[in-house]
Amino acid sequence: MDRFVSPLVALLTSFSSAAADVVARPQWEKHLEERGVRGTFVLLEPANDRYLVVNESRAKQGFIPASTFKIPNALIGLEVGSICDEKEVFRWDGKPKLHAEWERDQTLATGMKYSCVWMFQEVARRTGKERMKEWLTRLEYGNQDMRGGIDLFWLQGSLRISAMQQVDFLRRLAEGELPMTQRSQRLVREVLILEKTSSYTLYGKTGTSGQINNPVAWWVGWIERKGKPSAYFAMNYMPRPKMAYEERFAIARAILAEAGALPLPPS
């Protein structure tokens, strides 16, 4: 009985999401400006049924998901058997890779932690175009456009998703409301944990596209307190040349702290 969300629950959920207020937070833009970038930040507060947004027009604009697509890729892979379980080992082919962490065998946990592109390209190839398209439609993930090749469409192809859509997708995953097994959703939630403290658990995934015409840096995730999601977030911006990967965390954490969603970061 827990395999799928009932149509009635899904319908009520979509109405609830659509009815949520969108409140501008232009004061948070300073955290992006201090790093010399322009972008958007979306924070969904489920308790208050509202989105707090920096740059609403950009928040609704679709961008290539890059490695944030590893989240639905893993979910679909688990659902169709392209990933057997969290213990399956994906063997490194012994060839040099972009990062040292990729030059080893991978599991679901390490592949997500180190954002291992070659592993998730293999997952996508195993899934295949037809099943991938079917599941992107079921999940209502972004524009569902797979042009660009089965192992590249989310990296340099035509797939696009907005920050608002990222937040809504994560909410359904965190609450176990995606139209797939609870097992698949639970296993992916577990490998997205970045921090676990006595007061909160932080889940998240980054993504970076180096496309010349429209580069984008992402950080998406959610925060759980007392066993329940308390905030969902998605940030993207156009990075400066040679901008440090870690700067996205400083920007987002400053905003999340100002919103009261996370403790103040160390000075």
C-alpha atoms as a PDB file:
ATOM      1  CA  MET A   1       0.000   0.000   0.000  1.00  0.00           C
ATOM      2  CA  ASP A   2       2.924   2.396   0.504  1.00  0.00           C
ATOM      3  CA  ARG A   3       4.296   2.048  -3.019  1.00  0.00           C
ATOM      4  CA  PHE A   4       2.612   5.088  -4.524  1.00  0.00           C
ATOM      5  CA  VAL A   5       1.051   8.299  -3.312  1.00  0.00           C
ATOM      6  CA  SER A   6      -2.696   8.189  -3.873  1.00  0.00           C
ATOM      7  CA  PRO A   7      -4.024  10.507  -6.602  1.00  0.00           C
ATOM      8  CA  LEU A   8      -6.128  12.354  -3.994  1.00  0.00           C
ATOM      9  CA  VAL A   9      -3.118  13.038  -1.764  1.00  0.00           C
ATOM     10  CA  ALA A  10      -1.073  14.186  -4.753  1.00  0.00           C
ATOM     11  CA  LEU A  11      -3.874  16.487  -5.881  1.00  0.00           C
ATOM     12  CA  LEU A  12      -4.308  18.035  -2.445  1.00  0.00           C
ATOM     13  CA  THR A  13      -0.547  18.476  -2.156  1.00  0.00           C
ATOM     14  CA  SER A  14      -0.360  20.291  -5.487  1.00  0.00           C
ATOM     15  CA  PHE A  15      -3.163  22.625  -4.425  1.00  0.00           C
ATOM     16  CA  SER A  16      -1.396  23.353  -1.140  1.00  0.00           C
ATOM     17  CA  SER A  17       1.880  24.141  -2.908  1.00  0.00           C
ATOM     18  CA  ALA A  18       0.199  26.348  -5.476  1.00  0.00           C
ATOM     19  CA  ALA A  19      -1.637  28.274  -2.755  1.00  0.00           C
ATOM     20  CA  ALA A  20       1.505  29.092  -0.768  1.00  0.00           C
ATOM     21  CA  ASP A  21       2.374  32.787  -0.512  1.00  0.00           C
ATOM     22  CA  VAL A  22       5.461  34.149  -2.278  1.00  0.00           C
ATOM     23  CA  VAL A  23       7.156  36.852  -0.210  1.00  0.00           C
ATOM     24  CA  ALA A  24      10.080  38.882  -1.552  1.00  0.00           C
ATOM     25  CA  ARG A  25      13.220  39.084   0.584  1.00  0.00           C
ATOM     26  CA  PRO A  26      15.359  41.658  -1.285  1.00  0.00           C
ATOM     27  CA  GLN A  27      17.440  42.250   1.866  1.00  0.00           C
ATOM     28  CA  TRP A  28      18.980  38.796   1.456  1.00  0.00           C
ATOM     29  CA  GLU A  29      20.447  39.784  -1.910  1.00  0.00           C
ATOM     30  CA  LYS A  30      23.360  41.432  -0.111  1.00  0.00           C
ATOM     31  CA  HIS A  31      24.785  37.994   0.654  1.00  0.00           C
ATOM     32  CA  LEU A  32      25.050  37.288  -3.077  1.00  0.00           C
ATOM     33  CA  GLU A  33      26.332  40.772  -3.869  1.00  0.00           C
ATOM     34  CA  GLU A  34      29.068  40.502  -1.265  1.00  0.00           C
ATOM     35  CA  ARG A  35      30.463  37.607  -3.293  1.00  0.00           C
ATOM     36  CA  GLY A  36      30.099  39.478  -6.554  1.00  0.00           C
ATOM     37  CA  VAL A  37      27.329  37.331  -8.048  1.00  0.00           C
ATOM     38  CA  ARG A  38      23.725  37.708  -9.113  1.00  0.00           C
ATOM     39  CA  GLY A  39      21.311  34.880  -8.484  1.00  0.00           C
ATOM     40  CA  THR A  40      18.239  33.679  -6.672  1.00  0.00           C
ATOM     41  CA  PHE A  41      17.406  32.026  -3.376  1.00  0.00           C
ATOM     42  CA  VAL A  42      14.146  30.284  -2.531  1.00  0.00           C
ATOM     43  CA  LEU A  43      13.230  29.235   1.004  1.00  0.00           C
ATOM     44  CA  LEU A  44      10.009  27.312   1.571  1.00  0.00           C
ATOM     45  CA  GLU A  45       8.690  27.367   5.131  1.00  0.00           C
ATOM     46  CA  PRO A  46       6.114  24.569   5.363  1.00  0.00           C
ATOM     47  CA  ALA A  47       4.861  25.685   8.774  1.00  0.00           C
ATOM     48  CA  ASN A  48       4.002  29.108   7.375  1.00  0.00           C
ATOM     49  CA  ASP A  49       3.023  27.846   3.911  1.00  0.00           C
ATOM     50  CA  ARG A  50       5.139  30.485   2.193  1.00  0.00           C
ATOM     51  CA  TYR A  51       8.098  30.926  -0.119  1.00  0.00           C
ATOM     52  CA  LEU A  52      10.666  33.572   0.824  1.00  0.00           C
ATOM     53  CA  VAL A  53      12.405  34.589  -2.389  1.00  0.00           C
ATOM     54  CA  VAL A  54      15.341  36.619  -3.639  1.00  0.00           C
ATOM     55  CA  ASN A  55      14.788  37.632  -7.290  1.00  0.00           C
ATOM     56  CA  GLU A  56      11.441  35.996  -8.058  1.00  0.00           C
ATOM     57  CA  SER A  57      11.830  36.241 -11.837  1.00  0.00           C
ATOM     58  CA  ARG A  58      15.068  34.232 -11.732  1.00  0.00           C
ATOM     59  CA  ALA A  59      13.535  31.835  -9.177  1.00  0.00           C
ATOM     60  CA  LYS A  60      11.000  30.841 -11.833  1.00  0.00           C
ATOM     61  CA  GLN A  61      13.569  30.614 -14.651  1.00  0.00           C
ATOM     62  CA  GLY A  62      14.827  27.206 -15.720  1.00  0.00           C
ATOM     63  CA  PHE A  63      18.531  26.371 -15.605  1.00  0.00           C
ATOM     64  CA  ILE A  64      20.439  23.184 -16.359  1.00  0.00           C
ATOM     65  CA  PRO A  65      20.398  21.124 -13.127  1.00  0.00           C
ATOM     66  CA  ALA A  66      23.949  19.779 -13.483  1.00  0.00           C
ATOM     67  CA  SER A  67      24.781  17.499 -10.555  1.00  0.00           C
ATOM     68  CA  THR A  68      21.602  18.284  -8.622  1.00  0.00           C
ATOM     69  CA  PHE A  69      20.104  15.837 -11.147  1.00  0.00           C
ATOM     70  CA  LYS A  70      21.903  13.060  -9.303  1.00  0.00           C
ATOM     71  CA  ILE A  71      18.939  13.140  -6.909  1.00  0.00           C
ATOM     72  CA  PRO A  72      16.252  12.077  -9.434  1.00  0.00           C
ATOM     73  CA  ASN A  73      18.812   9.963 -11.308  1.00  0.00           C
ATOM     74  CA  ALA A  74      19.422   7.938  -8.147  1.00  0.00           C
ATOM     75  CA  LEU A  75      15.716   7.690  -7.347  1.00  0.00           C
ATOM     76  CA  ILE A  76      14.880   6.443 -10.830  1.00  0.00           C
ATOM     77  CA  GLY A  77      17.873   4.109 -10.831  1.00  0.00           C
ATOM     78  CA  LEU A  78      16.758   2.486  -7.592  1.00  0.00           C
ATOM     79  CA  GLU A  79      13.180   2.240  -8.821  1.00  0.00           C
ATOM     80  CA  VAL A  80      13.994   0.473 -12.084  1.00  0.00           C
ATOM     81  CA  GLY A  81      16.984  -1.554 -10.865  1.00  0.00           C
ATOM     82  CA  SER A  82      19.804   0.445 -12.471  1.00  0.00           C
ATOM     83  CA  ILE A  83      21.082   0.655  -8.897  1.00  0.00           C
ATOM     84  CA  CYS A  84      20.421  -2.589  -7.036  1.00  0.00           C
ATOM     85  CA  ASP A  85      20.710  -1.138  -3.550  1.00  0.00           C
ATOM     86  CA  GLU A  86      22.897   1.084  -1.386  1.00  0.00           C
ATOM     87  CA  LYS A  87      25.601  -1.622  -1.267  1.00  0.00           C
ATOM     88  CA  GLU A  88      26.117  -2.093  -4.998  1.00  0.00           C
ATOM     89  CA  VAL A  89      29.657  -1.274  -6.117  1.00  0.00           C
ATOM     90  CA  PHE A  90      30.291   0.596  -9.373  1.00  0.00           C
ATOM     91  CA  ARG A  91      33.771  -0.291 -10.580  1.00  0.00           C
ATOM     92  CA  TRP A  92      36.246   2.410 -11.609  1.00  0.00           C
ATOM     93  CA  ASP A  93      37.669   1.712 -15.060  1.00  0.00           C
ATOM     94  CA  GLY A  94      41.192   2.642 -13.968  1.00  0.00           C
ATOM     95  CA  LYS A  95      41.389   5.702 -16.219  1.00  0.00           C
ATOM     96  CA  PRO A  96      42.256   9.195 -14.909  1.00  0.00           C
ATOM     97  CA  LYS A  97      39.253  11.259 -13.837  1.00  0.00           C
ATOM     98  CA  LEU A  98      38.663  14.932 -13.129  1.00  0.00           C
ATOM     99  CA  HIS A  99      38.880  14.446  -9.344  1.00  0.00           C
ATOM    100  CA  ALA A 100      40.956  12.037  -7.267  1.00  0.00           C
ATOM    101  CA  GLU A 101      37.837  10.927  -5.355  1.00  0.00           C
ATOM    102  CA  TRP A 102      36.406   9.604  -8.640  1.00  0.00           C
ATOM    103  CA  GLU A 103      39.405   7.336  -9.230  1.00  0.00           C
ATOM    104  CA  ARG A 104      38.045   4.516  -7.115  1.00  0.00           C
ATOM    105  CA  ASP A 105      35.060   2.191  -6.917  1.00  0.00           C
ATOM    106  CA  GLN A 106      31.827   3.901  -5.871  1.00  0.00           C
ATOM    107  CA  THR A 107      28.610   3.136  -4.022  1.00  0.00           C
ATOM    108  CA  LEU A 108      25.432   5.192  -3.893  1.00  0.00           C
ATOM    109  CA  ALA A 109      26.729   7.027  -0.814  1.00  0.00           C
ATOM    110  CA  THR A 110      30.207   7.840  -2.153  1.00  0.00           C
ATOM    111  CA  GLY A 111      28.919   8.618  -5.620  1.00  0.00           C
ATOM    112  CA  MET A 112      26.561  11.202  -4.158  1.00  0.00           C
ATOM    113  CA  LYS A 113      29.074  12.551  -1.631  1.00  0.00           C
ATOM    114  CA  TYR A 114      31.789  13.095  -4.232  1.00  0.00           C
ATOM    115  CA  SER A 115      29.305  13.918  -7.013  1.00  0.00           C
ATOM    116  CA  CYS A 116      30.872  11.242  -9.182  1.00  0.00           C
ATOM    117  CA  VAL A 117      29.802  11.986 -12.743  1.00  0.00           C
ATOM    118  CA  TRP A 118      30.983   8.758 -14.372  1.00  0.00           C
ATOM    119  CA  MET A 119      29.008   6.620 -11.926  1.00  0.00           C
ATOM    120  CA  PHE A 120      25.743   8.461 -12.508  1.00  0.00           C
ATOM    121  CA  GLN A 121      26.309   8.466 -16.249  1.00  0.00           C
ATOM    122  CA  GLU A 122      26.470   4.683 -15.988  1.00  0.00           C
ATOM    123  CA  VAL A 123      23.251   4.682 -13.963  1.00  0.00           C
ATOM    124  CA  ALA A 124      21.525   6.750 -16.666  1.00  0.00           C
ATOM    125  CA  ARG A 125      22.764   4.461 -19.444  1.00  0.00           C
ATOM    126  CA  ARG A 126      21.436   1.432 -17.567  1.00  0.00           C
ATOM    127  CA  THR A 127      18.070   3.140 -17.124  1.00  0.00           C
ATOM    128  CA  GLY A 128      17.849   4.003 -20.820  1.00  0.00           C
ATOM    129  CA  LYS A 129      16.050   6.738 -22.669  1.00  0.00           C
ATOM    130  CA  GLU A 130      12.519   5.320 -22.565  1.00  0.00           C
ATOM    131  CA  ARG A 131      12.417   4.580 -18.853  1.00  0.00           C
ATOM    132  CA  MET A 132      14.182   7.846 -18.003  1.00  0.00           C
ATOM    133  CA  LYS A 133      11.649   9.844 -20.021  1.00  0.00           C
ATOM    134  CA  GLU A 134       8.761   7.980 -18.412  1.00  0.00           C
ATOM    135  CA  TRP A 135      10.032   8.757 -14.925  1.00  0.00           C
ATOM    136  CA  LEU A 136      10.875  12.393 -15.586  1.00  0.00           C
ATOM    137  CA  THR A 137       7.248  12.757 -16.632  1.00  0.00           C
ATOM    138  CA  ARG A 138       5.956  10.944 -13.554  1.00  0.00           C
ATOM    139  CA  LEU A 139       8.139  13.052 -11.289  1.00  0.00           C
ATOM    140  CA  GLU A 140       7.205  16.255 -13.141  1.00  0.00           C
ATOM    141  CA  TYR A 141      10.894  17.134 -13.061  1.00  0.00           C
ATOM    142  CA  GLY A 142      11.643  20.480 -14.721  1.00  0.00           C
ATOM    143  CA  ASN A 143      10.957  20.678 -18.452  1.00  0.00           C
ATOM    144  CA  GLN A 144      11.594  16.918 -18.877  1.00  0.00           C
ATOM    145  CA  ASP A 145      13.676  17.641 -22.002  1.00  0.00           C
ATOM    146  CA  MET A 146      16.238  14.873 -22.591  1.00  0.00           C
ATOM    147  CA  ARG A 147      17.873  16.212 -25.746  1.00  0.00           C
ATOM    148  CA  GLY A 148      21.648  15.964 -25.556  1.00  0.00           C
ATOM    149  CA  GLY A 149      22.165  12.246 -24.927  1.00  0.00           C
ATOM    150  CA  ILE A 150      21.174   9.846 -22.166  1.00  0.00           C
ATOM    151  CA  ASP A 151      24.386  10.468 -20.205  1.00  0.00           C
ATOM    152  CA  LEU A 152      24.729  14.210 -20.869  1.00  0.00           C
ATOM    153  CA  PHE A 153      21.262  15.793 -21.053  1.00  0.00           C
ATOM    154  CA  TRP A 154      21.456  17.136 -17.486  1.00  0.00           C
ATOM    155  CA  LEU A 155      25.073  18.315 -17.830  1.00  0.00           C
ATOM    156  CA  GLN A 156      25.169  20.054 -21.196  1.00  0.00           C
ATOM    157  CA  GLY A 157      21.857  19.196 -22.826  1.00  0.00           C
ATOM    158  CA  SER A 158      18.370  20.689 -22.783  1.00  0.00           C
ATOM    159  CA  LEU A 159      17.058  19.726 -19.335  1.00  0.00           C
ATOM    160  CA  ARG A 160      16.051  22.790 -17.302  1.00  0.00           C
ATOM    161  CA  ILE A 161      14.602  23.273 -13.835  1.00  0.00           C
ATOM    162  CA  SER A 162      13.889  26.383 -11.783  1.00  0.00           C
ATOM    163  CA  ALA A 163      14.729  27.046  -8.149  1.00  0.00           C
ATOM    164  CA  MET A 164      11.008  27.010  -7.327  1.00  0.00           C
ATOM    165  CA  GLN A 165      10.653  23.600  -8.992  1.00  0.00           C
ATOM    166  CA  GLN A 166      13.727  22.285  -7.163  1.00  0.00           C
ATOM    167  CA  VAL A 167      12.187  23.222  -3.817  1.00  0.00           C
ATOM    168  CA  ASP A 168       8.859  21.588  -4.639  1.00  0.00           C
ATOM    169  CA  PHE A 169      10.588  18.419  -5.837  1.00  0.00           C
ATOM    170  CA  LEU A 170      12.658  18.219  -2.635  1.00  0.00           C
ATOM    171  CA  ARG A 171       9.576  18.737  -0.511  1.00  0.00           C
ATOM    172  CA  ARG A 172       7.896  15.732  -2.100  1.00  0.00           C
ATOM    173  CA  LEU A 173      11.051  13.650  -1.621  1.00  0.00           C
ATOM    174  CA  ALA A 174      11.529  14.673   2.018  1.00  0.00           C
ATOM    175  CA  GLU A 175       7.913  13.907   2.836  1.00  0.00           C
ATOM    176  CA  GLY A 176       7.872  10.624   0.905  1.00  0.00           C
ATOM    177  CA  GLU A 177       5.264  11.892  -1.556  1.00  0.00           C
ATOM    178  CA  LEU A 178       6.953  11.072  -4.858  1.00  0.00           C
ATOM    179  CA  PRO A 179       5.138   8.459  -6.999  1.00  0.00           C
ATOM    180  CA  MET A 180       7.632   5.703  -6.251  1.00  0.00           C
ATOM    181  CA  THR A 181       8.502   3.271  -3.499  1.00  0.00           C
ATOM    182  CA  GLN A 182       9.252   4.493  -0.012  1.00  0.00           C
ATOM    183  CA  ARG A 183      12.453   2.407  -0.182  1.00  0.00           C
ATOM    184  CA  SER A 184      13.857   4.414  -3.091  1.00  0.00           C
ATOM    185  CA  GLN A 185      13.000   7.708  -1.417  1.00  0.00           C
ATOM    186  CA  ARG A 186      14.452   6.645   1.935  1.00  0.00           C
ATOM    187  CA  LEU A 187      17.743   5.440   0.455  1.00  0.00           C
ATOM    188  CA  VAL A 188      18.246   8.697  -1.441  1.00  0.00           C
ATOM    189  CA  ARG A 189      17.335  10.840   1.557  1.00  0.00           C
ATOM    190  CA  GLU A 190      19.951   8.984   3.603  1.00  0.00           C
ATOM    191  CA  VAL A 191      22.798   9.719   1.158  1.00  0.00           C
ATOM    192  CA  LEU A 192      21.874  13.412   0.998  1.00  0.00           C
ATOM    193  CA  ILE A 193      22.627  14.028   4.690  1.00  0.00           C
ATOM    194  CA  LEU A 194      25.414  16.599   5.004  1.00  0.00           C
ATOM    195  CA  GLU A 195      25.241  17.405   8.715  1.00  0.00           C
ATOM    196  CA  LYS A 196      23.498  15.854  11.679  1.00  0.00           C
ATOM    197  CA  THR A 197      23.491  17.662  15.011  1.00  0.00           C
ATOM    198  CA  SER A 198      21.414  17.504  18.171  1.00  0.00           C
ATOM    199  CA  SER A 199      19.192  20.329  16.891  1.00  0.00           C
ATOM    200  CA  TYR A 200      18.960  19.813  13.125  1.00  0.00           C
ATOM    201  CA  THR A 201      19.803  17.621  10.143  1.00  0.00           C
ATOM    202  CA  LEU A 202      20.919  19.258   6.899  1.00  0.00           C
ATOM    203  CA  TYR A 203      20.330  17.542   3.565  1.00  0.00           C
ATOM    204  CA  GLY A 204      21.679  18.864   0.283  1.00  0.00           C
ATOM    205  CA  LYS A 205      23.286  18.545  -3.124  1.00  0.00           C
ATOM    206  CA  THR A 206      25.366  20.890  -5.214  1.00  0.00           C
ATOM    207  CA  GLY A 207      25.564  21.271  -8.946  1.00  0.00           C
ATOM    208  CA  THR A 208      27.829  23.296 -11.214  1.00  0.00           C
ATOM    209  CA  SER A 209      27.605  23.821 -14.954  1.00  0.00           C
ATOM    210  CA  GLY A 210      30.552  25.328 -16.760  1.00  0.00           C
ATOM    211  CA  GLN A 211      28.599  26.131 -19.909  1.00  0.00           C
ATOM    212  CA  ILE A 212      30.260  29.138 -21.541  1.00  0.00           C
ATOM    213  CA  ASN A 213      27.058  30.997 -22.395  1.00  0.00           C
ATOM    214  CA  ASN A 214      25.138  30.381 -19.181  1.00  0.00           C
ATOM    215  CA  PRO A 215      27.190  28.942 -16.291  1.00  0.00           C
ATOM    216  CA  VAL A 216      25.274  28.192 -13.114  1.00  0.00           C
ATOM    217  CA  ALA A 217      26.092  27.084  -9.574  1.00  0.00           C
ATOM    218  CA  TRP A 218      23.443  25.350  -7.441  1.00  0.00           C
ATOM    219  CA  TRP A 219      22.942  24.329  -3.846  1.00  0.00           C
ATOM    220  CA  VAL A 220      19.617  22.720  -2.979  1.00  0.00           C
ATOM    221  CA  GLY A 221      18.395  20.892   0.106  1.00  0.00           C
ATOM    222  CA  TRP A 222      16.311  20.986   3.236  1.00  0.00           C
ATOM    223  CA  ILE A 223      16.581  21.202   7.008  1.00  0.00           C
ATOM    224  CA  GLU A 224      14.917  18.850   9.436  1.00  0.00           C
ATOM    225  CA  ARG A 225      14.187  19.642  13.074  1.00  0.00           C
ATOM    226  CA  LYS A 226      12.616  17.280  15.609  1.00  0.00           C
ATOM    227  CA  GLY A 227      12.150  14.690  12.899  1.00  0.00           C
ATOM    228  CA  LYS A 228      10.199  16.973  10.538  1.00  0.00           C
ATOM    229  CA  PRO A 229      11.302  19.150   7.602  1.00  0.00           C
ATOM    230  CA  SER A 230      11.337  22.776   8.733  1.00  0.00           C
ATOM    231  CA  ALA A 231      12.706  24.494   5.608  1.00  0.00           C
ATOM    232  CA  TYR A 232      13.472  23.700   1.979  1.00  0.00           C
ATOM    233  CA  PHE A 233      15.873  25.780  -0.076  1.00  0.00           C
ATOM    234  CA  ALA A 234      17.315  26.187  -3.551  1.00  0.00           C
ATOM    235  CA  MET A 235      19.934  28.683  -4.641  1.00  0.00           C
ATOM    236  CA  ASN A 236      21.499  29.312  -8.020  1.00  0.00           C
ATOM    237  CA  TYR A 237      23.696  32.043  -9.393  1.00  0.00           C
ATOM    238  CA  MET A 238      26.079  32.835 -12.233  1.00  0.00           C
ATOM    239  CA  PRO A 239      29.536  32.232 -10.726  1.00  0.00           C
ATOM    240  CA  ARG A 240      32.480  34.576 -11.181  1.00  0.00           C
ATOM    241  CA  PRO A 241      35.433  33.226 -13.191  1.00  0.00           C
ATOM    242  CA  LYS A 242      37.507  30.920 -10.989  1.00  0.00           C
ATOM    243  CA  MET A 243      35.041  31.371  -8.111  1.00  0.00           C
ATOM    244  CA  ALA A 244      35.709  28.941  -5.278  1.00  0.00           C
ATOM    245  CA  TYR A 245      33.277  26.037  -5.078  1.00  0.00           C
ATOM    246  CA  GLU A 246      32.833  26.534  -1.318  1.00  0.00           C
ATOM    247  CA  GLU A 247      31.574  30.114  -1.614  1.00  0.00           C
ATOM    248  CA  ARG A 248      28.059  28.863  -2.328  1.00  0.00           C
ATOM    249  CA  PHE A 249      27.878  27.430   1.189  1.00  0.00           C
ATOM    250  CA  ALA A 250      28.884  30.738   2.763  1.00  0.00           C
ATOM    251  CA  ILE A 251      26.188  32.579   0.794  1.00  0.00           C
ATOM    252  CA  ALA A 252      23.422  30.094   1.513  1.00  0.00           C
ATOM    253  CA  ARG A 253      24.291  29.602   5.171  1.00  0.00           C
ATOM    254  CA  ALA A 254      24.269  33.357   5.739  1.00  0.00           C
ATOM    255  CA  ILE A 255      20.771  33.554   4.242  1.00  0.00           C
ATOM    256  CA  LEU A 256      19.538  30.495   6.129  1.00  0.00           C
ATOM    257  CA  ALA A 257      20.896  31.952   9.370  1.00  0.00           C
ATOM    258  CA  GLU A 258      19.222  35.304   8.733  1.00  0.00           C
ATOM    259  CA  ALA A 259      15.964  33.431   8.080  1.00  0.00           C
ATOM    260  CA  GLY A 260      16.372  31.528  11.356  1.00  0.00           C
ATOM    261  CA  ALA A 261      16.509  28.191   9.546  1.00  0.00           C
ATOM    262  CA  LEU A 262      20.081  27.402  10.642  1.00  0.00           C
ATOM    263  CA  PRO A 263      22.309  28.661  13.461  1.00  0.00           C
ATOM    264  CA  LEU A 264      24.547  31.627  12.699  1.00  0.00           C
ATOM    265  CA  PRO A 265      27.726  30.522  10.894  1.00  0.00           C
ATOM    266  CA  PRO A 266      31.086  30.987  12.641  1.00  0.00           C
ATOM    267  CA  SER A 267      32.561  34.439  12.160  1.00  0.00           C
END
